[in-house]
Amino acid sequence: MSSLLDPAFLRRLGRLRLAVRRRFAGSSAGGRRSTRRGSSAEFAEHRPYYAGDDVRRIDWNAYARLEELVLRLFVAEEDLSLYLLIDRSASLGIGTPPKIELAKQVAAALGYVGLSGSERVSVHPFGDALDAPMAPTRGSKRIGALLRYLDAIEPRGDTDLANTVERFLARSPRPGLVAVISDFFDPGGFQRPLDRLLAQKFEPVLFQVLDREELDPTPGTDVELVDSETGQKVDVSLDARAIAAYRARLFAFFAELESYAKKRGLFYGRVDAEHALDDVVVGYLRQGAR
C-alpha cells in the first residue's frame, strides 16, 4: 500500500472528508458533529476547520502558531462511525495487482481520512463469514495501526455478503457509514444485505474492485476456467462471440449495481483498469467537502 503514503496522493486527500447523506444520532448536517452537554469536557485533539463548523470552537492560539484554522475536540463529543467491510474472499486474490490490494488501498484511504477527521473507524474483513474486526479507534495517531491491520488480510474462502451483514448487525454497532469494498461477485446477490443495512439506519457506500482481465478477457482458444472460491472447473472457448456475450452480462451487472445505488441515494464507484483508484476515492470524498 505504498501508494497511499505517496505525498502527492495524501495532498489530494488534503482537507477532504467522508461524505454522508444520512443524519445519524449525535451528528449534524453542517459540521457533522455536535457537543454532548455531559460531565466530560476533556480535550482530546484538534482537527481542521471545515465550512459550516461552529467558529466558536476554533483554537485561535493554535492558529497563531500554525497559521491554520483548527477546532478543539473533546472526549464528550459524538463522532461518525465508519465501518470498513472489506471482501477478503478468494476471488479477490486474482488480478495484476491482486484485487485484494486495491481493496486494501480503498480501505486505507477512507480510514486515513476518517482517522484524520477524528471519526471512529473499524475494519471488518469478510468472506463467507465475518472475521475478527479491528476494534473501533479514532485519531490520526492510529493510522499506522490501521495500515498494519489491512496489510495482514489475506484472500481465502467464498463470498456471502448476506451472512456477513447479519453477523455484523449482531454485534449491535451504532448506525453510521458502512463502506462495502468488494468485487460483489456473490451468488447470493447484493440487494438483500444492503437493504438490511439501510433498514437498520446505516448508510452503505459501495466500492467495486475489478481486474483488467475481468473487464476484457484476452481472446484465445479453448481454456479451462477455475472458480477461485469453489474450485469448480469449466472448459470454454474464448472466441469473439463468447467474449461479447460475457461482456454484455458483466456490464449489465454493473448497471444493476449502479441503478440500485442511484435509486437509494448511495455512492457507487468502480476501481479497475478504466477507473483509477485515486480518482474514484477522491471523487467520493469531494462530495463530503461540498
Protein backbone atom coordinates (compact mmCIF):
# COMPACT_ATOMS: atom_id res chain seq x y z
CA MET A 1 0.00 0.00 0.00
CA SER A 2 2.95 2.30 -0.56
CA SER A 3 0.94 4.44 -3.00
CA LEU A 4 -1.22 5.58 -0.07
CA LEU A 5 1.85 7.02 1.58
CA ASP A 6 2.83 8.92 -1.54
CA PRO A 7 2.85 12.65 -0.70
CA ALA A 8 1.03 13.55 -3.93
CA PHE A 9 -1.85 11.22 -3.08
CA LEU A 10 -2.03 12.45 0.50
CA ARG A 11 -2.16 16.02 -0.78
CA ARG A 12 -5.16 15.04 -2.91
CA LEU A 13 -6.88 13.75 0.20
CA GLY A 14 -5.94 17.01 1.93
CA ARG A 15 -8.92 18.55 3.68
CA LEU A 16 -11.42 16.17 2.14
CA ARG A 17 -13.78 14.35 4.48
CA LEU A 18 -16.16 11.42 4.45
CA ALA A 19 -19.35 12.10 2.51
CA VAL A 20 -22.52 11.36 4.49
CA ARG A 21 -26.03 11.83 3.10
CA ARG A 22 -27.97 10.48 6.07
CA ARG A 23 -28.18 12.05 9.51
CA PHE A 24 -27.07 9.88 12.42
CA ALA A 25 -27.55 10.23 16.17
CA GLY A 26 -25.04 12.67 17.58
CA SER A 27 -24.34 14.15 14.16
CA SER A 28 -25.46 17.32 12.40
CA ALA A 29 -25.80 18.07 8.72
CA GLY A 30 -23.40 21.02 8.80
CA GLY A 31 -20.31 20.12 10.75
CA ARG A 32 -21.49 16.53 11.31
CA ARG A 33 -20.50 16.87 14.92
CA SER A 34 -22.36 18.13 17.97
CA THR A 35 -21.20 18.59 21.54
CA ARG A 36 -22.90 16.48 24.19
CA ARG A 37 -23.69 18.52 27.31
CA GLY A 38 -22.29 15.81 29.60
CA SER A 39 -19.94 15.86 32.54
CA SER A 40 -16.85 15.28 30.42
CA ALA A 41 -15.19 18.14 28.58
CA GLU A 42 -11.70 16.68 28.42
CA PHE A 43 -9.65 17.97 25.48
CA ALA A 44 -8.80 15.18 23.03
CA GLU A 45 -7.14 16.70 19.93
CA HIS A 46 -7.52 19.15 17.06
CA ARG A 47 -8.97 18.66 13.62
CA PRO A 48 -9.07 21.01 10.61
CA TYR A 49 -11.85 23.58 10.40
CA TYR A 50 -14.44 22.96 7.65
CA ALA A 51 -17.01 25.36 6.29
CA GLY A 52 -20.14 25.11 8.42
CA ASP A 53 -18.32 24.27 11.67
CA ASP A 54 -19.01 26.27 14.80
CA VAL A 55 -16.50 29.17 14.70
CA ARG A 56 -16.68 29.43 18.49
CA ARG A 57 -14.69 26.21 18.73
CA ILE A 58 -11.72 27.48 16.69
CA ASP A 59 -8.46 27.34 18.66
CA TRP A 60 -7.05 30.80 17.98
CA ASN A 61 -3.87 30.06 19.92
CA ALA A 62 -3.18 27.15 17.59
CA TYR A 63 -3.96 29.40 14.62
CA ALA A 64 -1.30 31.86 15.81
CA ARG A 65 1.27 29.06 15.80
CA LEU A 66 0.18 27.09 12.74
CA GLU A 67 -1.50 29.76 10.61
CA GLU A 68 -4.25 27.19 10.05
CA LEU A 69 -7.79 27.06 11.39
CA VAL A 70 -8.35 24.05 13.65
CA LEU A 71 -11.14 23.06 16.03
CA ARG A 72 -10.82 21.79 19.60
CA LEU A 73 -12.30 18.30 20.03
CA PHE A 74 -13.36 16.92 23.37
CA VAL A 75 -13.90 13.40 24.65
CA ALA A 76 -17.52 14.28 25.32
CA GLU A 77 -18.23 14.80 21.62
CA GLU A 78 -20.10 12.39 19.41
CA ASP A 79 -18.40 11.28 16.20
CA LEU A 80 -19.27 9.47 13.00
CA SER A 81 -18.71 5.72 12.94
CA LEU A 82 -17.03 4.43 9.77
CA TYR A 83 -17.18 0.67 9.26
CA LEU A 84 -14.87 -0.72 6.56
CA LEU A 85 -16.31 -4.03 5.30
CA ILE A 86 -13.52 -5.38 3.10
CA ASP A 87 -14.03 -8.52 1.00
CA ARG A 88 -11.17 -10.97 1.55
CA SER A 89 -12.69 -13.93 -0.35
CA ALA A 90 -10.51 -15.96 -2.71
CA SER A 91 -11.78 -14.12 -5.80
CA LEU A 92 -10.00 -11.01 -4.50
CA GLY A 93 -6.69 -12.84 -4.83
CA ILE A 94 -6.70 -12.76 -8.63
CA GLY A 95 -5.50 -9.96 -10.88
CA THR A 96 -2.43 -7.86 -11.53
CA PRO A 97 -2.17 -6.35 -9.00
CA PRO A 98 -4.44 -8.67 -6.98
CA LYS A 99 -7.84 -7.14 -6.34
CA ILE A 100 -7.28 -7.51 -2.59
CA GLU A 101 -4.53 -4.90 -2.84
CA LEU A 102 -6.92 -2.45 -4.50
CA ALA A 103 -9.50 -3.18 -1.80
CA LYS A 104 -6.90 -2.55 0.92
CA GLN A 105 -5.92 0.74 -0.69
CA VAL A 106 -9.53 1.93 -0.83
CA ALA A 107 -9.98 0.97 2.83
CA ALA A 108 -6.73 2.64 3.82
CA ALA A 109 -7.63 5.89 2.06
CA LEU A 110 -11.08 6.06 3.64
CA GLY A 111 -9.68 5.09 7.03
CA TYR A 112 -6.93 7.69 6.74
CA VAL A 113 -9.47 10.44 6.09
CA GLY A 114 -11.74 9.18 8.85
CA LEU A 115 -9.00 9.00 11.47
CA SER A 116 -7.57 12.36 10.39
CA GLY A 117 -11.02 13.86 10.94
CA SER A 118 -11.33 12.18 14.36
CA GLU A 119 -14.12 9.88 13.23
CA ARG A 120 -14.43 6.41 14.78
CA VAL A 121 -13.06 3.78 12.36
CA SER A 122 -13.22 -0.03 12.45
CA VAL A 123 -12.36 -2.75 9.90
CA HIS A 124 -14.41 -5.92 9.28
CA PRO A 125 -12.88 -8.37 6.75
CA PHE A 126 -15.39 -10.85 5.33
CA GLY A 127 -15.83 -13.80 3.01
CA ASP A 128 -18.43 -16.45 3.77
CA ALA A 129 -18.27 -15.23 7.38
CA LEU A 130 -17.12 -12.17 9.28
CA ASP A 131 -13.58 -12.17 10.68
CA ALA A 132 -12.46 -10.69 13.98
CA PRO A 133 -12.52 -6.92 13.38
CA MET A 134 -10.09 -4.16 14.08
CA ALA A 135 -11.89 -2.57 17.02
CA PRO A 136 -13.23 0.99 16.65
CA THR A 137 -10.49 3.55 17.05
CA ARG A 138 -10.05 7.26 16.42
CA GLY A 139 -7.35 9.88 15.98
CA SER A 140 -4.56 10.35 13.45
CA LYS A 141 -2.11 8.51 15.71
CA ARG A 142 -3.92 5.27 14.85
CA ILE A 143 -3.27 5.44 11.10
CA GLY A 144 -0.21 3.18 11.41
CA ALA A 145 -2.22 0.55 13.27
CA LEU A 146 -4.89 0.67 10.56
CA LEU A 147 -2.36 0.11 7.77
CA ARG A 148 -0.73 -2.79 9.63
CA TYR A 149 -4.10 -4.46 10.16
CA LEU A 150 -5.02 -4.11 6.48
CA ASP A 151 -1.64 -5.44 5.35
CA ALA A 152 -2.27 -8.68 7.27
CA ILE A 153 -5.53 -9.51 5.44
CA GLU A 154 -5.19 -12.48 3.07
CA PRO A 155 -7.75 -13.68 0.48
CA ARG A 156 -9.45 -17.03 1.16
CA GLY A 157 -12.81 -18.76 1.05
CA ASP A 158 -16.17 -17.97 -0.53
CA THR A 159 -18.31 -14.81 -0.53
CA ASP A 160 -21.53 -14.46 1.44
CA LEU A 161 -22.44 -10.81 1.93
CA ALA A 162 -25.86 -11.64 3.43
CA ASN A 163 -24.34 -13.76 6.20
CA THR A 164 -21.67 -11.11 6.73
CA VAL A 165 -24.21 -8.33 7.23
CA GLU A 166 -26.28 -10.40 9.66
CA ARG A 167 -23.20 -11.16 11.76
CA PHE A 168 -22.16 -7.52 11.59
CA LEU A 169 -25.56 -6.35 12.81
CA ALA A 170 -25.48 -8.97 15.57
CA ARG A 171 -22.56 -7.04 17.08
CA SER A 172 -25.01 -4.17 17.70
CA PRO A 173 -22.92 -1.40 16.14
CA ARG A 174 -24.35 2.08 16.30
CA PRO A 175 -25.61 3.42 12.94
CA GLY A 176 -23.01 5.03 10.74
CA LEU A 177 -21.25 4.86 7.39
CA VAL A 178 -20.54 1.34 6.02
CA ALA A 179 -18.02 1.20 3.17
CA VAL A 180 -18.51 -2.14 1.40
CA ILE A 181 -15.36 -2.86 -0.63
CA SER A 182 -15.77 -5.94 -2.83
CA ASP A 183 -15.96 -7.27 -6.36
CA PHE A 184 -19.63 -8.09 -5.50
CA PHE A 185 -19.38 -11.45 -7.27
CA ASP A 186 -21.63 -13.09 -4.70
CA PRO A 187 -24.00 -15.90 -5.74
CA GLY A 188 -26.45 -14.68 -3.08
CA GLY A 189 -26.64 -11.20 -4.56
CA PHE A 190 -26.11 -7.79 -3.03
CA GLN A 191 -29.58 -6.24 -2.73
CA ARG A 192 -30.95 -8.04 0.34
CA PRO A 193 -27.91 -7.47 2.59
CA LEU A 194 -27.60 -3.82 1.56
CA ASP A 195 -31.31 -3.30 2.17
CA ARG A 196 -30.79 -4.77 5.65
CA LEU A 197 -28.13 -2.16 6.38
CA LEU A 198 -30.43 0.62 5.19
CA ALA A 199 -33.31 -0.70 7.29
CA GLN A 200 -31.08 -0.55 10.36
CA LYS A 201 -30.26 3.14 9.66
CA PHE A 202 -26.77 2.61 8.23
CA GLU A 203 -25.53 4.32 5.06
CA PRO A 204 -23.69 1.93 2.72
CA VAL A 205 -21.17 3.30 0.21
CA LEU A 206 -20.10 0.83 -2.46
CA PHE A 207 -16.64 0.39 -3.95
CA GLN A 208 -16.31 -2.37 -6.55
CA VAL A 209 -12.76 -3.56 -7.31
CA LEU A 210 -12.04 -5.40 -10.57
CA ASP A 211 -9.13 -6.69 -12.60
CA ARG A 212 -8.38 -5.73 -16.20
CA GLU A 213 -8.78 -9.33 -17.38
CA GLU A 214 -12.28 -9.45 -15.91
CA LEU A 215 -13.29 -6.44 -17.98
CA ASP A 216 -11.73 -7.54 -21.25
CA PRO A 217 -10.60 -11.19 -21.40
CA THR A 218 -7.84 -12.00 -23.85
CA PRO A 219 -9.19 -13.84 -26.91
CA GLY A 220 -7.74 -17.30 -27.39
CA THR A 221 -8.53 -20.92 -27.95
CA ASP A 222 -10.02 -23.44 -25.57
CA VAL A 223 -9.21 -22.69 -21.93
CA GLU A 224 -10.10 -24.13 -18.55
CA LEU A 225 -11.65 -21.63 -16.14
CA VAL A 226 -11.35 -22.37 -12.42
CA ASP A 227 -13.63 -20.72 -9.83
CA SER A 228 -11.15 -19.27 -7.35
CA GLU A 229 -13.60 -19.75 -4.46
CA THR A 230 -15.16 -23.17 -5.13
CA GLY A 231 -12.51 -24.79 -7.32
CA GLN A 232 -15.14 -25.72 -9.91
CA LYS A 233 -13.73 -26.06 -13.44
CA VAL A 234 -15.38 -25.22 -16.75
CA ASP A 235 -14.00 -25.64 -20.28
CA VAL A 236 -14.81 -22.70 -22.56
CA SER A 237 -13.74 -21.36 -25.91
CA LEU A 238 -12.78 -17.68 -25.71
CA ASP A 239 -13.72 -16.67 -29.21
CA ALA A 240 -15.09 -13.25 -30.11
CA ARG A 241 -18.71 -14.38 -29.72
CA ALA A 242 -18.15 -15.81 -26.22
CA ILE A 243 -16.32 -12.69 -25.08
CA ALA A 244 -19.07 -10.42 -26.42
CA ALA A 245 -21.71 -12.41 -24.51
CA TYR A 246 -19.58 -12.34 -21.35
CA ARG A 247 -19.06 -8.58 -21.53
CA ALA A 248 -22.78 -7.99 -22.11
CA ARG A 249 -23.67 -9.88 -18.94
CA LEU A 250 -20.85 -8.24 -16.96
CA PHE A 251 -21.84 -4.69 -17.87
CA ALA A 252 -25.50 -5.50 -17.21
CA PHE A 253 -24.41 -6.47 -13.70
CA PHE A 254 -22.54 -3.16 -13.33
CA ALA A 255 -25.65 -1.29 -14.48
CA GLU A 256 -27.80 -3.19 -11.96
CA LEU A 257 -25.48 -2.31 -9.09
CA GLU A 258 -25.23 1.32 -10.16
CA SER A 259 -29.02 1.59 -10.59
CA TYR A 260 -29.58 0.12 -7.13
CA ALA A 261 -27.25 2.68 -5.57
CA LYS A 262 -28.74 5.60 -7.52
CA LYS A 263 -32.33 4.77 -6.54
CA ARG A 264 -31.36 4.70 -2.87
CA GLY A 265 -29.12 7.76 -2.97
CA LEU A 266 -25.94 5.78 -2.29
CA PHE A 267 -22.44 6.26 -3.66
CA TYR A 268 -21.18 3.59 -6.07
CA GLY A 269 -17.70 3.62 -7.58
CA ARG A 270 -15.72 1.12 -9.68
CA VAL A 271 -11.96 0.74 -9.28
CA ASP A 272 -10.50 -1.02 -12.32
CA ALA A 273 -8.39 -0.51 -15.43
CA GLU A 274 -10.78 2.21 -16.63
CA HIS A 275 -11.34 3.96 -13.29
CA ALA A 276 -8.23 4.88 -11.28
CA LEU A 277 -8.36 4.23 -7.55
CA ASP A 278 -7.22 7.74 -6.66
CA ASP A 279 -9.87 9.38 -8.83
CA VAL A 280 -12.72 7.20 -7.53
CA VAL A 281 -11.83 7.68 -3.86
CA VAL A 282 -11.19 11.42 -4.19
CA GLY A 283 -14.39 11.80 -6.22
CA TYR A 284 -16.35 10.29 -3.35
CA LEU A 285 -14.58 12.38 -0.71
CA ARG A 286 -15.19 15.59 -2.63
CA GLN A 287 -18.90 15.06 -2.04
CA GLY A 288 -18.12 15.39 1.66
CA ALA A 289 -16.17 18.61 1.03
CA ARG A 290 -19.26 20.06 -0.61
